[in-house]
Amino acid sequence: MSDPTETTRREMVTQINAIEGSREYLEAKHGEVWDTTELQEQFEVTGFMAPFVGVRRRCDNVRGSVMFQASPRYYFGFSPE
């Protein structure tokens, strides 16, 4: 099965991981940032397709997505559906 988004997603992963992102840098650029433990506390993960993670926000059951960088692993940019 062919994924028409694969090339675009791979380019996004490369761009995200090309800049060593400190938490402060990501917060300034994207707003709220979560490490893995914080993400698990606030969201239920419903899917994964790098650099996106499908999530459901626990406090209000709103579904959406976040992006992540590989190292250090931080999640950011919650976007509701």
Foldseek 3Di string as FASTA:
>chain_A
DDDPCQVVLVVVQCVLQVDPDDLVNCCVVFNDKDQPVRCVVQWDFDADDPQKTWTQGPVPRFTFIWGFHVVVTMTGRTDTD
